[in-house]
Amino acid sequence: MILGERYRFGPQGFDYPTGGAGTLINRRALKILAKKCSCPRPDAPDDMVLGKCIQDFQIVFVHARPQDYAPDRLATDDAVTFHKHWMIDPVQVYQRWFLAEDQQLQVGPFRTEL
């Protein structure tokens, strides 16, 4: 399974995960990709090559809003992704699902010169 922001190459093309927001690849999918998928050349668009491999090897690719998941799925500690930001407020999604845990993180000291 691959979790990430879904883009599409052409109307009759294939879906691919854009790399900018990050992509989560489970162990099973990673083994398939490592064994069977490779970039055809150094300047090939890696996210699109990954999408073609996802299609060719029938790997599940998921992206959704919180309301698109079954409530039981969200209640687990298993990985989910909230990449689809259509008709939702991403700030509200963050505040509901991530803010409390982020506030519990003990990080620092912060560097401010950047």
PDB file of N, CA and C in Angstrom:
ATOM      1  N   MET A   1       0.842  -1.174   0.000  1.00  0.00           N
ATOM      2  CA  MET A   1       0.000   0.000   0.000  1.00  0.00           C
ATOM      3  C   MET A   1       0.886   1.235   0.000  1.00  0.00           C
ATOM      4  N   ILE A   2       0.444   2.224  -0.723  1.00  0.00           N
ATOM      5  CA  ILE A   2       1.141   3.501  -0.774  1.00  0.00           C
ATOM      6  C   ILE A   2       0.153   4.586  -0.381  1.00  0.00           C
ATOM      7  N   LEU A   3       0.560   5.450   0.552  1.00  0.00           N
ATOM      8  CA  LEU A   3      -0.256   6.587   0.969  1.00  0.00           C
ATOM      9  C   LEU A   3       0.428   7.850   0.491  1.00  0.00           C
ATOM     10  N   GLY A   4      -0.314   8.734  -0.168  1.00  0.00           N
ATOM     11  CA  GLY A   4       0.265   9.982  -0.626  1.00  0.00           C
ATOM     12  C   GLY A   4      -0.717  10.802  -1.431  1.00  0.00           C
ATOM     13  N   GLU A   5      -0.298  11.996  -1.832  1.00  0.00           N
ATOM     14  CA  GLU A   5      -1.131  12.890  -2.637  1.00  0.00           C
ATOM     15  C   GLU A   5      -1.172  12.364  -4.064  1.00  0.00           C
ATOM     16  N   ARG A   6      -2.372  12.104  -4.555  1.00  0.00           N
ATOM     17  CA  ARG A   6      -2.560  11.499  -5.875  1.00  0.00           C
ATOM     18  C   ARG A   6      -2.631  12.579  -6.964  1.00  0.00           C
ATOM     19  N   TYR A   7      -1.819  12.405  -7.980  1.00  0.00           N
ATOM     20  CA  TYR A   7      -1.902  13.199  -9.199  1.00  0.00           C
ATOM     21  C   TYR A   7      -2.204  12.228 -10.331  1.00  0.00           C
ATOM     22  N   ARG A   8      -2.562  12.765 -11.502  1.00  0.00           N
ATOM     23  CA  ARG A   8      -2.863  11.909 -12.651  1.00  0.00           C
ATOM     24  C   ARG A   8      -2.128  12.447 -13.867  1.00  0.00           C
ATOM     25  N   PHE A   9      -1.542  11.516 -14.620  1.00  0.00           N
ATOM     26  CA  PHE A   9      -0.849  11.854 -15.854  1.00  0.00           C
ATOM     27  C   PHE A   9      -1.790  11.611 -17.018  1.00  0.00           C
ATOM     28  N   GLY A  10      -2.346  12.677 -17.571  1.00  0.00           N
ATOM     29  CA  GLY A  10      -3.228  12.583 -18.736  1.00  0.00           C
ATOM     30  C   GLY A  10      -4.572  11.954 -18.428  1.00  0.00           C
ATOM     31  N   PRO A  11      -5.585  12.255 -19.263  1.00  0.00           N
ATOM     32  CA  PRO A  11      -6.931  11.730 -19.022  1.00  0.00           C
ATOM     33  C   PRO A  11      -7.008  10.202 -19.062  1.00  0.00           C
ATOM     34  N   GLN A  12      -6.223   9.577 -19.892  1.00  0.00           N
ATOM     35  CA  GLN A  12      -6.221   8.117 -19.988  1.00  0.00           C
ATOM     36  C   GLN A  12      -4.959   7.525 -19.362  1.00  0.00           C
ATOM     37  N   GLY A  13      -4.241   8.343 -18.611  1.00  0.00           N
ATOM     38  CA  GLY A  13      -2.953   7.917 -18.068  1.00  0.00           C
ATOM     39  C   GLY A  13      -3.049   7.156 -16.767  1.00  0.00           C
ATOM     40  N   PHE A  14      -2.093   7.390 -15.891  1.00  0.00           N
ATOM     41  CA  PHE A  14      -2.002   6.645 -14.642  1.00  0.00           C
ATOM     42  C   PHE A  14      -1.869   7.620 -13.479  1.00  0.00           C
ATOM     43  N   ASP A  15      -2.268   7.162 -12.288  1.00  0.00           N
ATOM     44  CA  ASP A  15      -2.126   7.947 -11.074  1.00  0.00           C
ATOM     45  C   ASP A  15      -0.706   7.789 -10.550  1.00  0.00           C
ATOM     46  N   TYR A  16      -0.221   8.841  -9.871  1.00  0.00           N
ATOM     47  CA  TYR A  16       1.091   8.743  -9.240  1.00  0.00           C
ATOM     48  C   TYR A  16       1.113   9.604  -7.985  1.00  0.00           C
ATOM     49  N   PRO A  17       1.931   9.226  -6.997  1.00  0.00           N
ATOM     50  CA  PRO A  17       2.023  10.018  -5.774  1.00  0.00           C
ATOM     51  C   PRO A  17       3.043  11.131  -5.952  1.00  0.00           C
ATOM     52  N   THR A  18       2.611  12.368  -5.751  1.00  0.00           N
ATOM     53  CA  THR A  18       3.562  13.463  -5.831  1.00  0.00           C
ATOM     54  C   THR A  18       4.485  13.398  -4.619  1.00  0.00           C
ATOM     55  N   GLY A  19       5.746  13.605  -4.831  1.00  0.00           N
ATOM     56  CA  GLY A  19       6.711  13.432  -3.748  1.00  0.00           C
ATOM     57  C   GLY A  19       6.815  14.587  -2.779  1.00  0.00           C
ATOM     58  N   GLY A  20       6.318  15.767  -3.132  1.00  0.00           N
ATOM     59  CA  GLY A  20       6.505  16.947  -2.299  1.00  0.00           C
ATOM     60  C   GLY A  20       5.952  16.841  -0.898  1.00  0.00           C
ATOM     61  N   ALA A  21       4.789  16.233  -0.744  1.00  0.00           N
ATOM     62  CA  ALA A  21       4.166  16.137   0.577  1.00  0.00           C
ATOM     63  C   ALA A  21       4.614  14.899   1.332  1.00  0.00           C
ATOM     64  N   GLY A  22       5.401  14.073   0.725  1.00  0.00           N
ATOM     65  CA  GLY A  22       5.833  12.834   1.362  1.00  0.00           C
ATOM     66  C   GLY A  22       4.958  11.673   0.944  1.00  0.00           C
ATOM     67  N   THR A  23       5.512  10.507   0.989  1.00  0.00           N
ATOM     68  CA  THR A  23       4.808   9.293   0.596  1.00  0.00           C
ATOM     69  C   THR A  23       5.169   8.197   1.586  1.00  0.00           C
ATOM     70  N   LEU A  24       4.180   7.451   2.011  1.00  0.00           N
ATOM     71  CA  LEU A  24       4.417   6.319   2.901  1.00  0.00           C
ATOM     72  C   LEU A  24       4.238   5.046   2.087  1.00  0.00           C
ATOM     73  N   ILE A  25       5.231   4.172   2.127  1.00  0.00           N
ATOM     74  CA  ILE A  25       5.183   2.917   1.377  1.00  0.00           C
ATOM     75  C   ILE A  25       5.338   1.775   2.377  1.00  0.00           C
ATOM     76  N   ASN A  26       4.378   0.854   2.397  1.00  0.00           N
ATOM     77  CA  ASN A  26       4.505  -0.252   3.347  1.00  0.00           C
ATOM     78  C   ASN A  26       5.547  -1.261   2.858  1.00  0.00           C
ATOM     79  N   ARG A  27       5.912  -2.170   3.732  1.00  0.00           N
ATOM     80  CA  ARG A  27       6.990  -3.123   3.462  1.00  0.00           C
ATOM     81  C   ARG A  27       6.716  -3.989   2.235  1.00  0.00           C
ATOM     82  N   ARG A  28       5.491  -4.478   2.103  1.00  0.00           N
ATOM     83  CA  ARG A  28       5.150  -5.341   0.965  1.00  0.00           C
ATOM     84  C   ARG A  28       5.334  -4.599  -0.355  1.00  0.00           C
ATOM     85  N   ALA A  29       4.800  -3.377  -0.424  1.00  0.00           N
ATOM     86  CA  ALA A  29       4.936  -2.584  -1.650  1.00  0.00           C
ATOM     87  C   ALA A  29       6.398  -2.256  -1.922  1.00  0.00           C
ATOM     88  N   LEU A  30       7.150  -1.946  -0.870  1.00  0.00           N
ATOM     89  CA  LEU A  30       8.558  -1.610  -1.042  1.00  0.00           C
ATOM     90  C   LEU A  30       9.348  -2.788  -1.612  1.00  0.00           C
ATOM     91  N   LYS A  31       9.041  -3.993  -1.144  1.00  0.00           N
ATOM     92  CA  LYS A  31       9.721  -5.181  -1.678  1.00  0.00           C
ATOM     93  C   LYS A  31       9.424  -5.366  -3.163  1.00  0.00           C
ATOM     94  N   ILE A  32       8.168  -5.158  -3.541  1.00  0.00           N
ATOM     95  CA  ILE A  32       7.794  -5.274  -4.960  1.00  0.00           C
ATOM     96  C   ILE A  32       8.528  -4.226  -5.782  1.00  0.00           C
ATOM     97  N   LEU A  33       8.512  -2.985  -5.306  1.00  0.00           N
ATOM     98  CA  LEU A  33       9.149  -1.898  -6.047  1.00  0.00           C
ATOM     99  C   LEU A  33      10.656  -2.105  -6.162  1.00  0.00           C
ATOM    100  N   ALA A  34      11.292  -2.521  -5.071  1.00  0.00           N
ATOM    101  CA  ALA A  34      12.742  -2.721  -5.091  1.00  0.00           C
ATOM    102  C   ALA A  34      13.147  -3.828  -6.060  1.00  0.00           C
ATOM    103  N   LYS A  35      12.312  -4.827  -6.180  1.00  0.00           N
ATOM    104  CA  LYS A  35      12.634  -5.973  -7.032  1.00  0.00           C
ATOM    105  C   LYS A  35      12.280  -5.729  -8.502  1.00  0.00           C
ATOM    106  N   LYS A  36      11.177  -5.027  -8.759  1.00  0.00           N
ATOM    107  CA  LYS A  36      10.637  -4.981 -10.119  1.00  0.00           C
ATOM    108  C   LYS A  36      10.611  -3.606 -10.778  1.00  0.00           C
ATOM    109  N   CYS A  37      10.894  -2.553 -10.041  1.00  0.00           N
ATOM    110  CA  CYS A  37      10.728  -1.198 -10.585  1.00  0.00           C
ATOM    111  C   CYS A  37      12.066  -0.467 -10.602  1.00  0.00           C
ATOM    112  N   SER A  38      12.336   0.244 -11.687  1.00  0.00           N
ATOM    113  CA  SER A  38      13.546   1.065 -11.751  1.00  0.00           C
ATOM    114  C   SER A  38      13.294   2.257 -12.662  1.00  0.00           C
ATOM    115  N   CYS A  39      14.039   3.317 -12.414  1.00  0.00           N
ATOM    116  CA  CYS A  39      13.930   4.504 -13.267  1.00  0.00           C
ATOM    117  C   CYS A  39      14.640   4.220 -14.588  1.00  0.00           C
ATOM    118  N   PRO A  40      14.028   4.588 -15.708  1.00  0.00           N
ATOM    119  CA  PRO A  40      14.641   4.302 -17.004  1.00  0.00           C
ATOM    120  C   PRO A  40      15.877   5.155 -17.291  1.00  0.00           C
ATOM    121  N   ARG A  41      15.974   6.326 -16.648  1.00  0.00           N
ATOM    122  CA  ARG A  41      17.133   7.198 -16.862  1.00  0.00           C
ATOM    123  C   ARG A  41      17.248   8.166 -15.675  1.00  0.00           C
ATOM    124  N   PRO A  42      18.410   8.751 -15.454  1.00  0.00           N
ATOM    125  CA  PRO A  42      18.627   9.599 -14.275  1.00  0.00           C
ATOM    126  C   PRO A  42      17.696  10.812 -14.176  1.00  0.00           C
ATOM    127  N   ASP A  43      17.255  11.349 -15.306  1.00  0.00           N
ATOM    128  CA  ASP A  43      16.406  12.542 -15.257  1.00  0.00           C
ATOM    129  C   ASP A  43      14.911  12.218 -15.352  1.00  0.00           C
ATOM    130  N   ALA A  44      14.540  10.949 -15.225  1.00  0.00           N
ATOM    131  CA  ALA A  44      13.122  10.555 -15.279  1.00  0.00           C
ATOM    132  C   ALA A  44      12.396  11.106 -14.050  1.00  0.00           C
ATOM    133  N   PRO A  45      11.141  11.540 -14.204  1.00  0.00           N
ATOM    134  CA  PRO A  45      10.377  12.042 -13.057  1.00  0.00           C
ATOM    135  C   PRO A  45      10.039  10.883 -12.109  1.00  0.00           C
ATOM    136  N   ASP A  46      10.737  10.831 -10.983  1.00  0.00           N
ATOM    137  CA  ASP A  46      10.644   9.662 -10.101  1.00  0.00           C
ATOM    138  C   ASP A  46       9.235   9.387  -9.602  1.00  0.00           C
ATOM    139  N   ASP A  47       8.451  10.439  -9.315  1.00  0.00           N
ATOM    140  CA  ASP A  47       7.095  10.190  -8.821  1.00  0.00           C
ATOM    141  C   ASP A  47       6.213   9.567  -9.905  1.00  0.00           C
ATOM    142  N   MET A  48       6.419   9.969 -11.154  1.00  0.00           N
ATOM    143  CA  MET A  48       5.630   9.399 -12.245  1.00  0.00           C
ATOM    144  C   MET A  48       6.067   7.963 -12.551  1.00  0.00           C
ATOM    145  N   VAL A  49       7.355   7.694 -12.459  1.00  0.00           N
ATOM    146  CA  VAL A  49       7.838   6.322 -12.637  1.00  0.00           C
ATOM    147  C   VAL A  49       7.245   5.438 -11.545  1.00  0.00           C
ATOM    148  N   LEU A  50       7.218   5.945 -10.313  1.00  0.00           N
ATOM    149  CA  LEU A  50       6.612   5.205  -9.210  1.00  0.00           C
ATOM    150  C   LEU A  50       5.139   4.920  -9.499  1.00  0.00           C
ATOM    151  N   GLY A  51       4.416   5.909 -10.019  1.00  0.00           N
ATOM    152  CA  GLY A  51       3.006   5.720 -10.360  1.00  0.00           C
ATOM    153  C   GLY A  51       2.795   4.648 -11.410  1.00  0.00           C
ATOM    154  N   LYS A  52       3.655   4.627 -12.407  1.00  0.00           N
ATOM    155  CA  LYS A  52       3.550   3.594 -13.446  1.00  0.00           C
ATOM    156  C   LYS A  52       3.791   2.210 -12.851  1.00  0.00           C
ATOM    157  N   CYS A  53       4.749   2.105 -11.946  1.00  0.00           N
ATOM    158  CA  CYS A  53       5.007   0.821 -11.283  1.00  0.00           C
ATOM    159  C   CYS A  53       3.829   0.422 -10.398  1.00  0.00           C
ATOM    160  N   ILE A  54       3.228   1.384  -9.710  1.00  0.00           N
ATOM    161  CA  ILE A  54       2.050   1.108  -8.878  1.00  0.00           C
ATOM    162  C   ILE A  54       0.957   0.481  -9.739  1.00  0.00           C
ATOM    163  N   GLN A  55       0.747   1.062 -10.914  1.00  0.00           N
ATOM    164  CA  GLN A  55      -0.270   0.535 -11.828  1.00  0.00           C
ATOM    165  C   GLN A  55       0.126  -0.843 -12.352  1.00  0.00           C
ATOM    166  N   ASP A  56       1.353  -0.967 -12.829  1.00  0.00           N
ATOM    167  CA  ASP A  56       1.798  -2.221 -13.446  1.00  0.00           C
ATOM    168  C   ASP A  56       1.754  -3.403 -12.477  1.00  0.00           C
ATOM    169  N   PHE A  57       2.073  -3.149 -11.201  1.00  0.00           N
ATOM    170  CA  PHE A  57       2.160  -4.238 -10.227  1.00  0.00           C
ATOM    171  C   PHE A  57       0.965  -4.271  -9.280  1.00  0.00           C
ATOM    172  N   GLN A  58      -0.071  -3.500  -9.611  1.00  0.00           N
ATOM    173  CA  GLN A  58      -1.350  -3.500  -8.891  1.00  0.00           C
ATOM    174  C   GLN A  58      -1.177  -3.286  -7.388  1.00  0.00           C
ATOM    175  N   ILE A  59      -0.400  -2.268  -7.037  1.00  0.00           N
ATOM    176  CA  ILE A  59      -0.203  -1.891  -5.640  1.00  0.00           C
ATOM    177  C   ILE A  59      -1.314  -0.917  -5.256  1.00  0.00           C
ATOM    178  N   VAL A  60      -1.899  -1.101  -4.097  1.00  0.00           N
ATOM    179  CA  VAL A  60      -2.974  -0.219  -3.628  1.00  0.00           C
ATOM    180  C   VAL A  60      -2.396   1.161  -3.344  1.00  0.00           C
ATOM    181  N   PHE A  61      -3.065   2.200  -3.846  1.00  0.00           N
ATOM    182  CA  PHE A  61      -2.632   3.585  -3.655  1.00  0.00           C
ATOM    183  C   PHE A  61      -3.801   4.364  -3.067  1.00  0.00           C
ATOM    184  N   VAL A  62      -3.593   4.995  -1.909  1.00  0.00           N
ATOM    185  CA  VAL A  62      -4.674   5.637  -1.161  1.00  0.00           C
ATOM    186  C   VAL A  62      -4.350   7.097  -0.897  1.00  0.00           C
ATOM    187  N   HIS A  63      -5.340   7.951  -1.068  1.00  0.00           N
ATOM    188  CA  HIS A  63      -5.304   9.309  -0.527  1.00  0.00           C
ATOM    189  C   HIS A  63      -6.736   9.721  -0.264  1.00  0.00           C
ATOM    190  N   ALA A  64      -6.976  10.381   0.849  1.00  0.00           N
ATOM    191  CA  ALA A  64      -8.352  10.698   1.215  1.00  0.00           C
ATOM    192  C   ALA A  64      -8.396  11.780   2.284  1.00  0.00           C
ATOM    193  N   ARG A  65      -9.590  12.327   2.468  1.00  0.00           N
ATOM    194  CA  ARG A  65      -9.872  13.270   3.549  1.00  0.00           C
ATOM    195  C   ARG A  65     -10.308  12.464   4.775  1.00  0.00           C
ATOM    196  N   PRO A  66     -10.262  13.049   5.972  1.00  0.00           N
ATOM    197  CA  PRO A  66     -10.688  12.296   7.156  1.00  0.00           C
ATOM    198  C   PRO A  66     -12.090  11.712   7.016  1.00  0.00           C
ATOM    199  N   GLN A  67     -13.023  12.461   6.467  1.00  0.00           N
ATOM    200  CA  GLN A  67     -14.401  11.964   6.357  1.00  0.00           C
ATOM    201  C   GLN A  67     -14.554  10.849   5.325  1.00  0.00           C
ATOM    202  N   ASP A  68     -13.530  10.610   4.509  1.00  0.00           N
ATOM    203  CA  ASP A  68     -13.582   9.528   3.525  1.00  0.00           C
ATOM    204  C   ASP A  68     -13.203   8.171   4.118  1.00  0.00           C
ATOM    205  N   TYR A  69     -12.632   8.169   5.315  1.00  0.00           N
ATOM    206  CA  TYR A  69     -12.245   6.925   5.974  1.00  0.00           C
ATOM    207  C   TYR A  69     -13.373   6.421   6.862  1.00  0.00           C
ATOM    208  N   ALA A  70     -13.429   5.120   7.055  1.00  0.00           N
ATOM    209  CA  ALA A  70     -14.355   4.543   8.033  1.00  0.00           C
ATOM    210  C   ALA A  70     -13.882   4.959   9.429  1.00  0.00           C
ATOM    211  N   PRO A  71     -14.800   5.328  10.328  1.00  0.00           N
ATOM    212  CA  PRO A  71     -14.403   5.754  11.680  1.00  0.00           C
ATOM    213  C   PRO A  71     -13.520   4.725  12.398  1.00  0.00           C
ATOM    214  N   ASP A  72     -13.793   3.441  12.203  1.00  0.00           N
ATOM    215  CA  ASP A  72     -12.972   2.411  12.850  1.00  0.00           C
ATOM    216  C   ASP A  72     -11.527   2.455  12.361  1.00  0.00           C
ATOM    217  N   ARG A  73     -11.327   2.812  11.116  1.00  0.00           N
ATOM    218  CA  ARG A  73      -9.971   2.904  10.560  1.00  0.00           C
ATOM    219  C   ARG A  73      -9.203   4.039  11.226  1.00  0.00           C
ATOM    220  N   LEU A  74      -9.871   5.159  11.443  1.00  0.00           N
ATOM    221  CA  LEU A  74      -9.215   6.303  12.065  1.00  0.00           C
ATOM    222  C   LEU A  74      -8.935   6.076  13.547  1.00  0.00           C
ATOM    223  N   ALA A  75      -9.641   5.158  14.175  1.00  0.00           N
ATOM    224  CA  ALA A  75      -9.468   4.892  15.605  1.00  0.00           C
ATOM    225  C   ALA A  75      -8.256   4.005  15.883  1.00  0.00           C
ATOM    226  N   THR A  76      -7.608   3.483  14.854  1.00  0.00           N
ATOM    227  CA  THR A  76      -6.445   2.614  15.040  1.00  0.00           C
ATOM    228  C   THR A  76      -5.171   3.438  15.063  1.00  0.00           C
ATOM    229  N   ASP A  77      -4.070   2.793  15.383  1.00  0.00           N
ATOM    230  CA  ASP A  77      -2.760   3.434  15.308  1.00  0.00           C
ATOM    231  C   ASP A  77      -2.094   3.178  13.967  1.00  0.00           C
ATOM    232  N   ASP A  78      -2.815   2.512  13.070  1.00  0.00           N
ATOM    233  CA  ASP A  78      -2.259   2.241  11.750  1.00  0.00           C
ATOM    234  C   ASP A  78      -2.143   3.539  10.958  1.00  0.00           C
ATOM    235  N   ALA A  79      -1.263   3.541   9.977  1.00  0.00           N
ATOM    236  CA  ALA A  79      -1.035   4.743   9.183  1.00  0.00           C
ATOM    237  C   ALA A  79      -2.232   5.075   8.301  1.00  0.00           C
ATOM    238  N   VAL A  80      -2.571   6.327   8.269  1.00  0.00           N
ATOM    239  CA  VAL A  80      -3.538   6.867   7.319  1.00  0.00           C
ATOM    240  C   VAL A  80      -2.936   8.156   6.787  1.00  0.00           C
ATOM    241  N   THR A  81      -3.483   8.667   5.719  1.00  0.00           N
ATOM    242  CA  THR A  81      -3.011   9.920   5.165  1.00  0.00           C
ATOM    243  C   THR A  81      -4.190  10.832   4.900  1.00  0.00           C
ATOM    244  N   PHE A  82      -3.984  12.100   5.135  1.00  0.00           N
ATOM    245  CA  PHE A  82      -5.009  13.098   4.846  1.00  0.00           C
ATOM    246  C   PHE A  82      -4.461  14.038   3.771  1.00  0.00           C
ATOM    247  N   HIS A  83      -4.266  13.544   2.590  1.00  0.00           N
ATOM    248  CA  HIS A  83      -3.688  14.347   1.519  1.00  0.00           C
ATOM    249  C   HIS A  83      -4.721  15.036   0.644  1.00  0.00           C
ATOM    250  N   LYS A  84      -5.909  14.565   0.610  1.00  0.00           N
ATOM    251  CA  LYS A  84      -6.910  15.127  -0.298  1.00  0.00           C
ATOM    252  C   LYS A  84      -7.579  16.310   0.401  1.00  0.00           C
ATOM    253  N   HIS A  85      -7.248  17.525   0.001  1.00  0.00           N
ATOM    254  CA  HIS A  85      -7.745  18.723   0.681  1.00  0.00           C
ATOM    255  C   HIS A  85      -8.851  19.423  -0.101  1.00  0.00           C
ATOM    256  N   TRP A  86      -9.712  18.669  -0.759  1.00  0.00           N
ATOM    257  CA  TRP A  86     -10.808  19.226  -1.528  1.00  0.00           C
ATOM    258  C   TRP A  86     -12.030  19.352  -0.631  1.00  0.00           C
ATOM    259  N   MET A  87     -12.604  20.540  -0.579  1.00  0.00           N
ATOM    260  CA  MET A  87     -13.812  20.831   0.193  1.00  0.00           C
ATOM    261  C   MET A  87     -13.641  20.583   1.698  1.00  0.00           C
ATOM    262  N   ILE A  88     -12.434  20.806   2.204  1.00  0.00           N
ATOM    263  CA  ILE A  88     -12.186  20.764   3.643  1.00  0.00           C
ATOM    264  C   ILE A  88     -11.217  21.883   3.990  1.00  0.00           C
ATOM    265  N   ASP A  89     -11.093  22.185   5.259  1.00  0.00           N
ATOM    266  CA  ASP A  89     -10.133  23.178   5.730  1.00  0.00           C
ATOM    267  C   ASP A  89      -8.930  22.426   6.302  1.00  0.00           C
ATOM    268  N   PRO A  90      -7.770  22.473   5.634  1.00  0.00           N
ATOM    269  CA  PRO A  90      -6.605  21.728   6.116  1.00  0.00           C
ATOM    270  C   PRO A  90      -6.190  22.126   7.532  1.00  0.00           C
ATOM    271  N   VAL A  91      -6.401  23.378   7.900  1.00  0.00           N
ATOM    272  CA  VAL A  91      -6.051  23.823   9.254  1.00  0.00           C
ATOM    273  C   VAL A  91      -6.930  23.111  10.282  1.00  0.00           C
ATOM    274  N   GLN A  92      -8.216  22.994   9.998  1.00  0.00           N
ATOM    275  CA  GLN A  92      -9.107  22.275  10.914  1.00  0.00           C
ATOM    276  C   GLN A  92      -8.733  20.797  11.005  1.00  0.00           C
ATOM    277  N   VAL A  93      -8.346  20.201   9.889  1.00  0.00           N
ATOM    278  CA  VAL A  93      -7.897  18.805   9.908  1.00  0.00           C
ATOM    279  C   VAL A  93      -6.683  18.680  10.824  1.00  0.00           C
ATOM    280  N   TYR A  94      -5.729  19.579  10.675  1.00  0.00           N
ATOM    281  CA  TYR A  94      -4.533  19.546  11.522  1.00  0.00           C
ATOM    282  C   TYR A  94      -4.911  19.702  12.994  1.00  0.00           C
ATOM    283  N   GLN A  95      -5.748  20.689  13.285  1.00  0.00           N
ATOM    284  CA  GLN A  95      -6.113  20.940  14.676  1.00  0.00           C
ATOM    285  C   GLN A  95      -6.835  19.748  15.297  1.00  0.00           C
ATOM    286  N   ARG A  96      -7.679  19.092  14.543  1.00  0.00           N
ATOM    287  CA  ARG A  96      -8.423  17.956  15.090  1.00  0.00           C
ATOM    288  C   ARG A  96      -7.567  16.704  15.239  1.00  0.00           C
ATOM    289  N   TRP A  97      -6.737  16.412  14.252  1.00  0.00           N
ATOM    290  CA  TRP A  97      -6.061  15.117  14.218  1.00  0.00           C
ATOM    291  C   TRP A  97      -4.599  15.139  14.658  1.00  0.00           C
ATOM    292  N   PHE A  98      -3.924  16.289  14.638  1.00  0.00           N
ATOM    293  CA  PHE A  98      -2.481  16.290  14.875  1.00  0.00           C
ATOM    294  C   PHE A  98      -1.992  17.247  15.953  1.00  0.00           C
ATOM    295  N   LEU A  99      -2.692  18.330  16.189  1.00  0.00           N
ATOM    296  CA  LEU A  99      -2.203  19.385  17.074  1.00  0.00           C
ATOM    297  C   LEU A  99      -1.879  18.873  18.476  1.00  0.00           C
ATOM    298  N   ALA A 100      -2.774  18.121  19.095  1.00  0.00           N
ATOM    299  CA  ALA A 100      -2.552  17.660  20.474  1.00  0.00           C
ATOM    300  C   ALA A 100      -1.256  16.857  20.595  1.00  0.00           C
ATOM    301  N   GLU A 101      -1.014  15.959  19.655  1.00  0.00           N
ATOM    302  CA  GLU A 101       0.222  15.170  19.721  1.00  0.00           C
ATOM    303  C   GLU A 101       1.441  16.025  19.433  1.00  0.00           C
ATOM    304  N   ASP A 102       1.327  16.963  18.499  1.00  0.00           N
ATOM    305  CA  ASP A 102       2.452  17.854  18.225  1.00  0.00           C
ATOM    306  C   ASP A 102       2.808  18.669  19.463  1.00  0.00           C
ATOM    307  N   GLN A 103       1.811  19.097  20.218  1.00  0.00           N
ATOM    308  CA  GLN A 103       2.064  19.894  21.418  1.00  0.00           C
ATOM    309  C   GLN A 103       2.748  19.078  22.510  1.00  0.00           C
ATOM    310  N   GLN A 104       2.604  17.776  22.475  1.00  0.00           N
ATOM    311  CA  GLN A 104       3.232  16.914  23.474  1.00  0.00           C
ATOM    312  C   GLN A 104       4.698  16.616  23.157  1.00  0.00           C
ATOM    313  N   LEU A 105       5.111  16.897  21.954  1.00  0.00           N
ATOM    314  CA  LEU A 105       6.496  16.627  21.574  1.00  0.00           C
ATOM    315  C   LEU A 105       7.437  17.508  22.378  1.00  0.00           C
ATOM    316  N   GLN A 106       8.502  16.929  22.847  1.00  0.00           N
ATOM    317  CA  GLN A 106       9.516  17.674  23.591  1.00  0.00           C
ATOM    318  C   GLN A 106      10.685  17.922  22.643  1.00  0.00           C
ATOM    319  N   VAL A 107      10.640  19.021  21.938  1.00  0.00           N
ATOM    320  CA  VAL A 107      11.705  19.357  20.998  1.00  0.00           C
ATOM    321  C   VAL A 107      12.270  20.716  21.341  1.00  0.00           C
ATOM    322  N   GLY A 108      13.483  20.917  20.993  1.00  0.00           N
ATOM    323  CA  GLY A 108      14.103  22.209  21.219  1.00  0.00           C
ATOM    324  C   GLY A 108      15.538  21.996  21.670  1.00  0.00           C
ATOM    325  N   PRO A 109      16.249  23.048  21.877  1.00  0.00           N
ATOM    326  CA  PRO A 109      15.814  24.431  21.648  1.00  0.00           C
ATOM    327  C   PRO A 109      15.709  24.713  20.153  1.00  0.00           C
ATOM    328  N   PHE A 110      14.820  25.623  19.814  1.00  0.00           N
ATOM    329  CA  PHE A 110      14.622  25.981  18.418  1.00  0.00           C
ATOM    330  C   PHE A 110      15.672  26.988  17.984  1.00  0.00           C
ATOM    331  N   ARG A 111      16.061  26.876  16.747  1.00  0.00           N
ATOM    332  CA  ARG A 111      16.990  27.853  16.170  1.00  0.00           C
ATOM    333  C   ARG A 111      16.167  28.841  15.371  1.00  0.00           C
ATOM    334  N   THR A 112      16.398  30.095  15.571  1.00  0.00           N
ATOM    335  CA  THR A 112      15.565  31.126  14.947  1.00  0.00           C
ATOM    336  C   THR A 112      16.278  31.915  13.859  1.00  0.00           C
ATOM    337  N   GLU A 113      17.559  31.642  13.619  1.00  0.00           N
ATOM    338  CA  GLU A 113      18.287  32.469  12.657  1.00  0.00           C
ATOM    339  C   GLU A 113      17.874  32.226  11.213  1.00  0.00           C
ATOM    340  N   LEU A 114      17.136  31.174  10.932  1.00  0.00           N
ATOM    341  CA  LEU A 114      16.708  30.928   9.558  1.00  0.00           C
ATOM    342  C   LEU A 114      15.409  31.600   9.366  1.00  0.00           C
TER     343      LEU A 114
END
